[in-house]
Amino acid sequence: MTVELSPATFPPGFLWGVAIGAHQSEGNNLASDWWYRENQPNSPVSQRCGDAIDSYHRWPEDFSLAADAGFTDYVAKTQRDQIIESLRQCLSEMVGS
């Protein structure tokens, strides 16, 4: 059985979007346990992937690509450690100035 999907088969107001959420999308998240493991000497990880996409820092480009593809919504996931580290850096800069 094949189901044909088109914008007409969805209710009015349905939001078309994309989502991303993975270790690979966070980009150089030094606070990530997995990033730490894959960057250790003699790591069992054969191919490092923690810096693969880096949507955390490249979100404006990601938003633009999604919009150009016709999507109206974008959902991104990040670890709280990434946010906490960014806040820590920001506060350090504010206190230091």
PDB file of N, CA and C in Angstrom:
ATOM      1  N   MET A   1       0.844  -1.176   0.000  1.00  0.00           N
ATOM      2  CA  MET A   1       0.000   0.000   0.000  1.00  0.00           C
ATOM      3  C   MET A   1       0.893   1.244   0.000  1.00  0.00           C
ATOM      4  N   THR A   2       0.595   2.167  -0.875  1.00  0.00           N
ATOM      5  CA  THR A   2       1.331   3.416  -0.969  1.00  0.00           C
ATOM      6  C   THR A   2       0.433   4.562  -0.544  1.00  0.00           C
ATOM      7  N   VAL A   3       0.975   5.426   0.294  1.00  0.00           N
ATOM      8  CA  VAL A   3       0.225   6.597   0.734  1.00  0.00           C
ATOM      9  C   VAL A   3       0.863   7.819   0.079  1.00  0.00           C
ATOM     10  N   GLU A   4       0.069   8.553  -0.640  1.00  0.00           N
ATOM     11  CA  GLU A   4       0.544   9.775  -1.280  1.00  0.00           C
ATOM     12  C   GLU A   4       0.401  10.939  -0.298  1.00  0.00           C
ATOM     13  N   LEU A   5       1.479  11.638  -0.060  1.00  0.00           N
ATOM     14  CA  LEU A   5       1.443  12.800   0.825  1.00  0.00           C
ATOM     15  C   LEU A   5       1.728  14.053   0.013  1.00  0.00           C
ATOM     16  N   SER A   6       0.958  15.057   0.263  1.00  0.00           N
ATOM     17  CA  SER A   6       1.180  16.355  -0.352  1.00  0.00           C
ATOM     18  C   SER A   6       0.668  17.394   0.631  1.00  0.00           C
ATOM     19  N   PRO A   7       1.028  18.653   0.450  1.00  0.00           N
ATOM     20  CA  PRO A   7       0.527  19.684   1.359  1.00  0.00           C
ATOM     21  C   PRO A   7      -0.998  19.700   1.463  1.00  0.00           C
ATOM     22  N   ALA A   8      -1.686  19.267   0.399  1.00  0.00           N
ATOM     23  CA  ALA A   8      -3.149  19.272   0.417  1.00  0.00           C
ATOM     24  C   ALA A   8      -3.726  18.214   1.361  1.00  0.00           C
ATOM     25  N   THR A   9      -2.935  17.181   1.714  1.00  0.00           N
ATOM     26  CA  THR A   9      -3.458  16.125   2.586  1.00  0.00           C
ATOM     27  C   THR A   9      -3.331  16.458   4.063  1.00  0.00           C
ATOM     28  N   PHE A  10      -2.735  17.585   4.386  1.00  0.00           N
ATOM     29  CA  PHE A  10      -2.562  17.988   5.776  1.00  0.00           C
ATOM     30  C   PHE A  10      -3.533  19.120   6.110  1.00  0.00           C
ATOM     31  N   PRO A  11      -3.906  19.245   7.372  1.00  0.00           N
ATOM     32  CA  PRO A  11      -4.865  20.294   7.746  1.00  0.00           C
ATOM     33  C   PRO A  11      -4.290  21.690   7.542  1.00  0.00           C
ATOM     34  N   PRO A  12      -5.159  22.666   7.359  1.00  0.00           N
ATOM     35  CA  PRO A  12      -4.691  24.054   7.231  1.00  0.00           C
ATOM     36  C   PRO A  12      -3.874  24.438   8.472  1.00  0.00           C
ATOM     37  N   GLY A  13      -2.811  25.159   8.263  1.00  0.00           N
ATOM     38  CA  GLY A  13      -1.970  25.590   9.374  1.00  0.00           C
ATOM     39  C   GLY A  13      -0.897  24.595   9.771  1.00  0.00           C
ATOM     40  N   PHE A  14      -0.855  23.428   9.097  1.00  0.00           N
ATOM     41  CA  PHE A  14       0.178  22.444   9.391  1.00  0.00           C
ATOM     42  C   PHE A  14       1.543  23.070   9.128  1.00  0.00           C
ATOM     43  N   LEU A  15       2.460  22.866  10.040  1.00  0.00           N
ATOM     44  CA  LEU A  15       3.792  23.456   9.912  1.00  0.00           C
ATOM     45  C   LEU A  15       4.774  22.439   9.345  1.00  0.00           C
ATOM     46  N   TRP A  16       5.410  22.801   8.257  1.00  0.00           N
ATOM     47  CA  TRP A  16       6.431  21.958   7.658  1.00  0.00           C
ATOM     48  C   TRP A  16       7.774  22.387   8.208  1.00  0.00           C
ATOM     49  N   GLY A  17       8.509  21.451   8.763  1.00  0.00           N
ATOM     50  CA  GLY A  17       9.787  21.825   9.353  1.00  0.00           C
ATOM     51  C   GLY A  17      10.816  20.721   9.314  1.00  0.00           C
ATOM     52  N   VAL A  18      11.963  21.045   9.822  1.00  0.00           N
ATOM     53  CA  VAL A  18      13.066  20.106   9.936  1.00  0.00           C
ATOM     54  C   VAL A  18      13.554  20.126  11.375  1.00  0.00           C
ATOM     55  N   ALA A  19      14.250  19.080  11.765  1.00  0.00           N
ATOM     56  CA  ALA A  19      14.787  19.006  13.119  1.00  0.00           C
ATOM     57  C   ALA A  19      16.168  18.383  13.074  1.00  0.00           C
ATOM     58  N   ILE A  20      16.975  18.783  14.014  1.00  0.00           N
ATOM     59  CA  ILE A  20      18.308  18.203  14.133  1.00  0.00           C
ATOM     60  C   ILE A  20      18.605  18.047  15.617  1.00  0.00           C
ATOM     61  N   GLY A  21      19.224  16.970  15.953  1.00  0.00           N
ATOM     62  CA  GLY A  21      19.593  16.748  17.345  1.00  0.00           C
ATOM     63  C   GLY A  21      20.472  15.528  17.467  1.00  0.00           C
ATOM     64  N   ALA A  22      21.753  15.747  17.580  1.00  0.00           N
ATOM     65  CA  ALA A  22      22.675  14.625  17.689  1.00  0.00           C
ATOM     66  C   ALA A  22      24.030  15.152  18.143  1.00  0.00           C
ATOM     67  N   HIS A  23      24.829  14.252  18.605  1.00  0.00           N
ATOM     68  CA  HIS A  23      26.195  14.588  19.010  1.00  0.00           C
ATOM     69  C   HIS A  23      26.916  15.292  17.866  1.00  0.00           C
ATOM     70  N   GLN A  24      26.700  14.817  16.638  1.00  0.00           N
ATOM     71  CA  GLN A  24      27.393  15.379  15.486  1.00  0.00           C
ATOM     72  C   GLN A  24      26.959  16.805  15.168  1.00  0.00           C
ATOM     73  N   SER A  25      25.784  17.199  15.601  1.00  0.00           N
ATOM     74  CA  SER A  25      25.274  18.526  15.245  1.00  0.00           C
ATOM     75  C   SER A  25      25.723  19.616  16.204  1.00  0.00           C
ATOM     76  N   GLU A  26      26.287  19.243  17.327  1.00  0.00           N
ATOM     77  CA  GLU A  26      26.600  20.246  18.341  1.00  0.00           C
ATOM     78  C   GLU A  26      27.912  20.970  18.105  1.00  0.00           C
ATOM     79  N   GLY A  27      28.832  20.361  17.450  1.00  0.00           N
ATOM     80  CA  GLY A  27      30.057  21.035  17.069  1.00  0.00           C
ATOM     81  C   GLY A  27      30.992  21.411  18.194  1.00  0.00           C
ATOM     82  N   ASN A  28      32.033  20.649  18.378  1.00  0.00           N
ATOM     83  CA  ASN A  28      33.086  20.969  19.336  1.00  0.00           C
ATOM     84  C   ASN A  28      32.551  21.202  20.738  1.00  0.00           C
ATOM     85  N   ASN A  29      31.600  20.381  21.144  1.00  0.00           N
ATOM     86  CA  ASN A  29      31.032  20.493  22.486  1.00  0.00           C
ATOM     87  C   ASN A  29      31.973  19.821  23.467  1.00  0.00           C
ATOM     88  N   LEU A  30      32.890  20.587  24.006  1.00  0.00           N
ATOM     89  CA  LEU A  30      33.908  20.049  24.907  1.00  0.00           C
ATOM     90  C   LEU A  30      33.307  19.470  26.176  1.00  0.00           C
ATOM     91  N   ALA A  31      32.093  19.879  26.521  1.00  0.00           N
ATOM     92  CA  ALA A  31      31.441  19.382  27.726  1.00  0.00           C
ATOM     93  C   ALA A  31      30.719  18.058  27.496  1.00  0.00           C
ATOM     94  N   SER A  32      30.643  17.617  26.264  1.00  0.00           N
ATOM     95  CA  SER A  32      29.956  16.371  25.939  1.00  0.00           C
ATOM     96  C   SER A  32      30.810  15.170  26.327  1.00  0.00           C
ATOM     97  N   ASP A  33      30.201  14.220  27.014  1.00  0.00           N
ATOM     98  CA  ASP A  33      30.924  13.006  27.389  1.00  0.00           C
ATOM     99  C   ASP A  33      31.443  12.276  26.161  1.00  0.00           C
ATOM    100  N   TRP A  34      30.615  12.205  25.128  1.00  0.00           N
ATOM    101  CA  TRP A  34      31.020  11.468  23.937  1.00  0.00           C
ATOM    102  C   TRP A  34      32.154  12.183  23.211  1.00  0.00           C
ATOM    103  N   TRP A  35      32.085  13.501  23.104  1.00  0.00           N
ATOM    104  CA  TRP A  35      33.160  14.259  22.464  1.00  0.00           C
ATOM    105  C   TRP A  35      34.465  14.006  23.207  1.00  0.00           C
ATOM    106  N   TYR A  36      34.401  14.018  24.526  1.00  0.00           N
ATOM    107  CA  TYR A  36      35.587  13.777  25.353  1.00  0.00           C
ATOM    108  C   TYR A  36      36.167  12.393  25.061  1.00  0.00           C
ATOM    109  N   ARG A  37      35.287  11.381  25.030  1.00  0.00           N
ATOM    110  CA  ARG A  37      35.754  10.006  24.779  1.00  0.00           C
ATOM    111  C   ARG A  37      36.407   9.862  23.405  1.00  0.00           C
ATOM    112  N   GLU A  38      35.811  10.444  22.393  1.00  0.00           N
ATOM    113  CA  GLU A  38      36.346  10.232  21.054  1.00  0.00           C
ATOM    114  C   GLU A  38      37.629  11.022  20.814  1.00  0.00           C
ATOM    115  N   ASN A  39      37.949  11.966  21.673  1.00  0.00           N
ATOM    116  CA  ASN A  39      39.161  12.764  21.502  1.00  0.00           C
ATOM    117  C   ASN A  39      40.293  12.362  22.441  1.00  0.00           C
ATOM    118  N   GLN A  40      40.105  11.293  23.180  1.00  0.00           N
ATOM    119  CA  GLN A  40      41.156  10.794  24.061  1.00  0.00           C
ATOM    120  C   GLN A  40      42.198  10.013  23.258  1.00  0.00           C
ATOM    121  N   PRO A  41      43.467  10.053  23.711  1.00  0.00           N
ATOM    122  CA  PRO A  41      44.473   9.208  23.056  1.00  0.00           C
ATOM    123  C   PRO A  41      44.047   7.739  23.149  1.00  0.00           C
ATOM    124  N   ASN A  42      44.298   6.993  22.120  1.00  0.00           N
ATOM    125  CA  ASN A  42      43.946   5.570  22.060  1.00  0.00           C
ATOM    126  C   ASN A  42      42.440   5.331  22.175  1.00  0.00           C
ATOM    127  N   SER A  43      41.653   6.271  21.730  1.00  0.00           N
ATOM    128  CA  SER A  43      40.198   6.125  21.771  1.00  0.00           C
ATOM    129  C   SER A  43      39.755   4.965  20.884  1.00  0.00           C
ATOM    130  N   PRO A  44      38.747   4.209  21.332  1.00  0.00           N
ATOM    131  CA  PRO A  44      38.241   3.128  20.475  1.00  0.00           C
ATOM    132  C   PRO A  44      37.418   3.649  19.293  1.00  0.00           C
ATOM    133  N   VAL A  45      37.152   4.949  19.274  1.00  0.00           N
ATOM    134  CA  VAL A  45      36.365   5.539  18.194  1.00  0.00           C
ATOM    135  C   VAL A  45      37.265   5.682  16.970  1.00  0.00           C
ATOM    136  N   SER A  46      36.902   5.013  15.888  1.00  0.00           N
ATOM    137  CA  SER A  46      37.757   5.016  14.702  1.00  0.00           C
ATOM    138  C   SER A  46      37.607   6.296  13.871  1.00  0.00           C
ATOM    139  N   GLN A  47      36.433   6.901  13.898  1.00  0.00           N
ATOM    140  CA  GLN A  47      36.220   8.139  13.143  1.00  0.00           C
ATOM    141  C   GLN A  47      35.541   9.160  14.048  1.00  0.00           C
ATOM    142  N   ARG A  48      36.265  10.235  14.337  1.00  0.00           N
ATOM    143  CA  ARG A  48      35.687  11.295  15.164  1.00  0.00           C
ATOM    144  C   ARG A  48      34.545  11.949  14.410  1.00  0.00           C
ATOM    145  N   CYS A  49      33.474  12.259  15.101  1.00  0.00           N
ATOM    146  CA  CYS A  49      32.330  12.870  14.416  1.00  0.00           C
ATOM    147  C   CYS A  49      31.734  14.044  15.186  1.00  0.00           C
ATOM    148  N   GLY A  50      32.307  14.384  16.324  1.00  0.00           N
ATOM    149  CA  GLY A  50      31.724  15.437  17.159  1.00  0.00           C
ATOM    150  C   GLY A  50      31.755  16.825  16.568  1.00  0.00           C
ATOM    151  N   ASP A  51      32.535  17.024  15.551  1.00  0.00           N
ATOM    152  CA  ASP A  51      32.614  18.338  14.920  1.00  0.00           C
ATOM    153  C   ASP A  51      32.053  18.300  13.507  1.00  0.00           C
ATOM    154  N   ALA A  52      31.274  17.274  13.203  1.00  0.00           N
ATOM    155  CA  ALA A  52      30.847  17.022  11.829  1.00  0.00           C
ATOM    156  C   ALA A  52      29.988  18.133  11.243  1.00  0.00           C
ATOM    157  N   ILE A  53      29.010  18.584  11.966  1.00  0.00           N
ATOM    158  CA  ILE A  53      28.050  19.519  11.396  1.00  0.00           C
ATOM    159  C   ILE A  53      28.141  20.900  12.046  1.00  0.00           C
ATOM    160  N   ASP A  54      28.234  20.935  13.342  1.00  0.00           N
ATOM    161  CA  ASP A  54      28.366  22.174  14.120  1.00  0.00           C
ATOM    162  C   ASP A  54      27.205  23.146  13.916  1.00  0.00           C
ATOM    163  N   SER A  55      26.000  22.632  13.993  1.00  0.00           N
ATOM    164  CA  SER A  55      24.823  23.506  13.901  1.00  0.00           C
ATOM    165  C   SER A  55      24.738  24.484  15.067  1.00  0.00           C
ATOM    166  N   TYR A  56      25.403  24.154  16.150  1.00  0.00           N
ATOM    167  CA  TYR A  56      25.382  25.052  17.310  1.00  0.00           C
ATOM    168  C   TYR A  56      25.937  26.425  16.940  1.00  0.00           C
ATOM    169  N   HIS A  57      26.984  26.448  16.124  1.00  0.00           N
ATOM    170  CA  HIS A  57      27.589  27.715  15.724  1.00  0.00           C
ATOM    171  C   HIS A  57      27.134  28.190  14.344  1.00  0.00           C
ATOM    172  N   ARG A  58      26.588  27.264  13.536  1.00  0.00           N
ATOM    173  CA  ARG A  58      26.223  27.614  12.163  1.00  0.00           C
ATOM    174  C   ARG A  58      24.712  27.698  11.968  1.00  0.00           C
ATOM    175  N   TRP A  59      23.969  27.935  13.045  1.00  0.00           N
ATOM    176  CA  TRP A  59      22.503  27.933  12.940  1.00  0.00           C
ATOM    177  C   TRP A  59      21.960  28.957  11.943  1.00  0.00           C
ATOM    178  N   PRO A  60      22.558  30.136  11.787  1.00  0.00           N
ATOM    179  CA  PRO A  60      21.980  31.056  10.786  1.00  0.00           C
ATOM    180  C   PRO A  60      21.987  30.446   9.375  1.00  0.00           C
ATOM    181  N   GLU A  61      23.075  29.776   9.042  1.00  0.00           N
ATOM    182  CA  GLU A  61      23.162  29.132   7.725  1.00  0.00           C
ATOM    183  C   GLU A  61      22.142  27.990   7.626  1.00  0.00           C
ATOM    184  N   ASP A  62      21.996  27.222   8.712  1.00  0.00           N
ATOM    185  CA  ASP A  62      21.022  26.121   8.727  1.00  0.00           C
ATOM    186  C   ASP A  62      19.600  26.643   8.551  1.00  0.00           C
ATOM    187  N   PHE A  63      19.269  27.723   9.255  1.00  0.00           N
ATOM    188  CA  PHE A  63      17.930  28.317   9.126  1.00  0.00           C
ATOM    189  C   PHE A  63      17.682  28.748   7.687  1.00  0.00           C
ATOM    190  N   SER A  64      18.689  29.373   7.095  1.00  0.00           N
ATOM    191  CA  SER A  64      18.560  29.849   5.720  1.00  0.00           C
ATOM    192  C   SER A  64      18.358  28.683   4.744  1.00  0.00           C
ATOM    193  N   LEU A  65      19.112  27.611   4.928  1.00  0.00           N
ATOM    194  CA  LEU A  65      18.967  26.446   4.054  1.00  0.00           C
ATOM    195  C   LEU A  65      17.570  25.844   4.185  1.00  0.00           C
ATOM    196  N   ALA A  66      17.076  25.749   5.416  1.00  0.00           N
ATOM    197  CA  ALA A  66      15.738  25.189   5.638  1.00  0.00           C
ATOM    198  C   ALA A  66      14.676  26.077   4.985  1.00  0.00           C
ATOM    199  N   ALA A  67      14.813  27.382   5.148  1.00  0.00           N
ATOM    200  CA  ALA A  67      13.845  28.312   4.547  1.00  0.00           C
ATOM    201  C   ALA A  67      13.894  28.239   3.024  1.00  0.00           C
ATOM    202  N   ASP A  68      15.103  28.159   2.477  1.00  0.00           N
ATOM    203  CA  ASP A  68      15.242  28.055   1.021  1.00  0.00           C
ATOM    204  C   ASP A  68      14.608  26.776   0.480  1.00  0.00           C
ATOM    205  N   ALA A  69      14.563  25.742   1.313  1.00  0.00           N
ATOM    206  CA  ALA A  69      13.955  24.470   0.904  1.00  0.00           C
ATOM    207  C   ALA A  69      12.443  24.467   1.103  1.00  0.00           C
ATOM    208  N   GLY A  70      11.917  25.574   1.642  1.00  0.00           N
ATOM    209  CA  GLY A  70      10.475  25.692   1.795  1.00  0.00           C
ATOM    210  C   GLY A  70       9.930  25.321   3.164  1.00  0.00           C
ATOM    211  N   PHE A  71      10.820  25.040   4.112  1.00  0.00           N
ATOM    212  CA  PHE A  71      10.364  24.707   5.463  1.00  0.00           C
ATOM    213  C   PHE A  71      10.081  25.977   6.249  1.00  0.00           C
ATOM    214  N   THR A  72       9.071  25.910   7.110  1.00  0.00           N
ATOM    215  CA  THR A  72       8.683  27.084   7.896  1.00  0.00           C
ATOM    216  C   THR A  72       9.132  26.989   9.342  1.00  0.00           C
ATOM    217  N   ASP A  73       9.590  25.815   9.769  1.00  0.00           N
ATOM    218  CA  ASP A  73       9.977  25.628  11.166  1.00  0.00           C
ATOM    219  C   ASP A  73      11.266  24.820  11.261  1.00  0.00           C
ATOM    220  N   TYR A  74      12.026  25.107  12.321  1.00  0.00           N
ATOM    221  CA  TYR A  74      13.304  24.442  12.535  1.00  0.00           C
ATOM    222  C   TYR A  74      13.431  24.157  14.019  1.00  0.00           C
ATOM    223  N   VAL A  75      13.709  22.925  14.370  1.00  0.00           N
ATOM    224  CA  VAL A  75      13.883  22.542  15.772  1.00  0.00           C
ATOM    225  C   VAL A  75      15.309  22.032  15.929  1.00  0.00           C
ATOM    226  N   ALA A  76      16.014  22.566  16.901  1.00  0.00           N
ATOM    227  CA  ALA A  76      17.384  22.129  17.154  1.00  0.00           C
ATOM    228  C   ALA A  76      17.523  21.703  18.604  1.00  0.00           C
ATOM    229  N   LYS A  77      18.306  20.693  18.826  1.00  0.00           N
ATOM    230  CA  LYS A  77      18.556  20.182  20.162  1.00  0.00           C
ATOM    231  C   LYS A  77      20.018  20.397  20.491  1.00  0.00           C
ATOM    232  N   THR A  78      20.286  20.750  21.715  1.00  0.00           N
ATOM    233  CA  THR A  78      21.661  20.831  22.179  1.00  0.00           C
ATOM    234  C   THR A  78      21.695  20.379  23.633  1.00  0.00           C
ATOM    235  N   GLN A  79      22.833  19.952  24.068  1.00  0.00           N
ATOM    236  CA  GLN A  79      22.974  19.548  25.464  1.00  0.00           C
ATOM    237  C   GLN A  79      23.038  20.784  26.341  1.00  0.00           C
ATOM    238  N   ARG A  80      22.508  20.665  27.527  1.00  0.00           N
ATOM    239  CA  ARG A  80      22.551  21.805  28.447  1.00  0.00           C
ATOM    240  C   ARG A  80      23.985  22.194  28.763  1.00  0.00           C
ATOM    241  N   ASP A  81      24.916  21.209  28.712  1.00  0.00           N
ATOM    242  CA  ASP A  81      26.321  21.523  28.971  1.00  0.00           C
ATOM    243  C   ASP A  81      26.860  22.542  27.972  1.00  0.00           C
ATOM    244  N   GLN A  82      26.401  22.449  26.730  1.00  0.00           N
ATOM    245  CA  GLN A  82      26.832  23.396  25.702  1.00  0.00           C
ATOM    246  C   GLN A  82      26.347  24.801  26.053  1.00  0.00           C
ATOM    247  N   ILE A  83      25.111  24.904  26.493  1.00  0.00           N
ATOM    248  CA  ILE A  83      24.546  26.199  26.854  1.00  0.00           C
ATOM    249  C   ILE A  83      25.225  26.752  28.102  1.00  0.00           C
ATOM    250  N   ILE A  84      25.424  25.891  29.097  1.00  0.00           N
ATOM    251  CA  ILE A  84      26.062  26.321  30.341  1.00  0.00           C
ATOM    252  C   ILE A  84      27.464  26.840  30.066  1.00  0.00           C
ATOM    253  N   GLU A  85      28.218  26.140  29.218  1.00  0.00           N
ATOM    254  CA  GLU A  85      29.573  26.591  28.893  1.00  0.00           C
ATOM    255  C   GLU A  85      29.537  27.942  28.180  1.00  0.00           C
ATOM    256  N   SER A  86      28.606  28.133  27.271  1.00  0.00           N
ATOM    257  CA  SER A  86      28.480  29.429  26.583  1.00  0.00           C
ATOM    258  C   SER A  86      28.138  30.534  27.565  1.00  0.00           C
ATOM    259  N   LEU A  87      27.224  30.253  28.491  1.00  0.00           N
ATOM    260  CA  LEU A  87      26.876  31.252  29.512  1.00  0.00           C
ATOM    261  C   LEU A  87      28.069  31.562  30.404  1.00  0.00           C
ATOM    262  N   ARG A  88      28.810  30.542  30.770  1.00  0.00           N
ATOM    263  CA  ARG A  88      29.993  30.723  31.616  1.00  0.00           C
ATOM    264  C   ARG A  88      30.996  31.635  30.916  1.00  0.00           C
ATOM    265  N   GLN A  89      31.228  31.410  29.633  1.00  0.00           N
ATOM    266  CA  GLN A  89      32.162  32.243  28.878  1.00  0.00           C
ATOM    267  C   GLN A  89      31.660  33.686  28.792  1.00  0.00           C
ATOM    268  N   CYS A  90      30.375  33.839  28.546  1.00  0.00           N
ATOM    269  CA  CYS A  90      29.781  35.167  28.440  1.00  0.00           C
ATOM    270  C   CYS A  90      29.913  35.924  29.764  1.00  0.00           C
ATOM    271  N   LEU A  91      29.611  35.254  30.861  1.00  0.00           N
ATOM    272  CA  LEU A  91      29.703  35.891  32.177  1.00  0.00           C
ATOM    273  C   LEU A  91      31.151  36.262  32.506  1.00  0.00           C
ATOM    274  N   SER A  92      32.072  35.394  32.135  1.00  0.00           N
ATOM    275  CA  SER A  92      33.487  35.689  32.369  1.00  0.00           C
ATOM    276  C   SER A  92      33.903  36.943  31.612  1.00  0.00           C
ATOM    277  N   GLU A  93      33.437  37.074  30.390  1.00  0.00           N
ATOM    278  CA  GLU A  93      33.761  38.257  29.588  1.00  0.00           C
ATOM    279  C   GLU A  93      33.137  39.509  30.204  1.00  0.00           C
ATOM    280  N   MET A  94      31.917  39.387  30.702  1.00  0.00           N
ATOM    281  CA  MET A  94      31.237  40.538  31.300  1.00  0.00           C
ATOM    282  C   MET A  94      31.946  40.972  32.588  1.00  0.00           C
ATOM    283  N   VAL A  95      32.340  40.026  33.403  1.00  0.00           N
ATOM    284  CA  VAL A  95      32.998  40.343  34.667  1.00  0.00           C
ATOM    285  C   VAL A  95      34.401  40.886  34.417  1.00  0.00           C
ATOM    286  N   GLY A  96      35.044  40.340  33.404  1.00  0.00           N
ATOM    287  CA  GLY A  96      36.414  40.764  33.090  1.00  0.00           C
ATOM    288  C   GLY A  96      36.495  42.142  32.472  1.00  0.00           C
ATOM    289  N   SER A  97      35.370  42.656  31.952  1.00  0.00           N
ATOM    290  CA  SER A  97      35.440  43.970  31.287  1.00  0.00           C
ATOM    291  C   SER A  97      35.084  45.097  32.199  1.00  0.00           C
TER     292      SER A  97
END
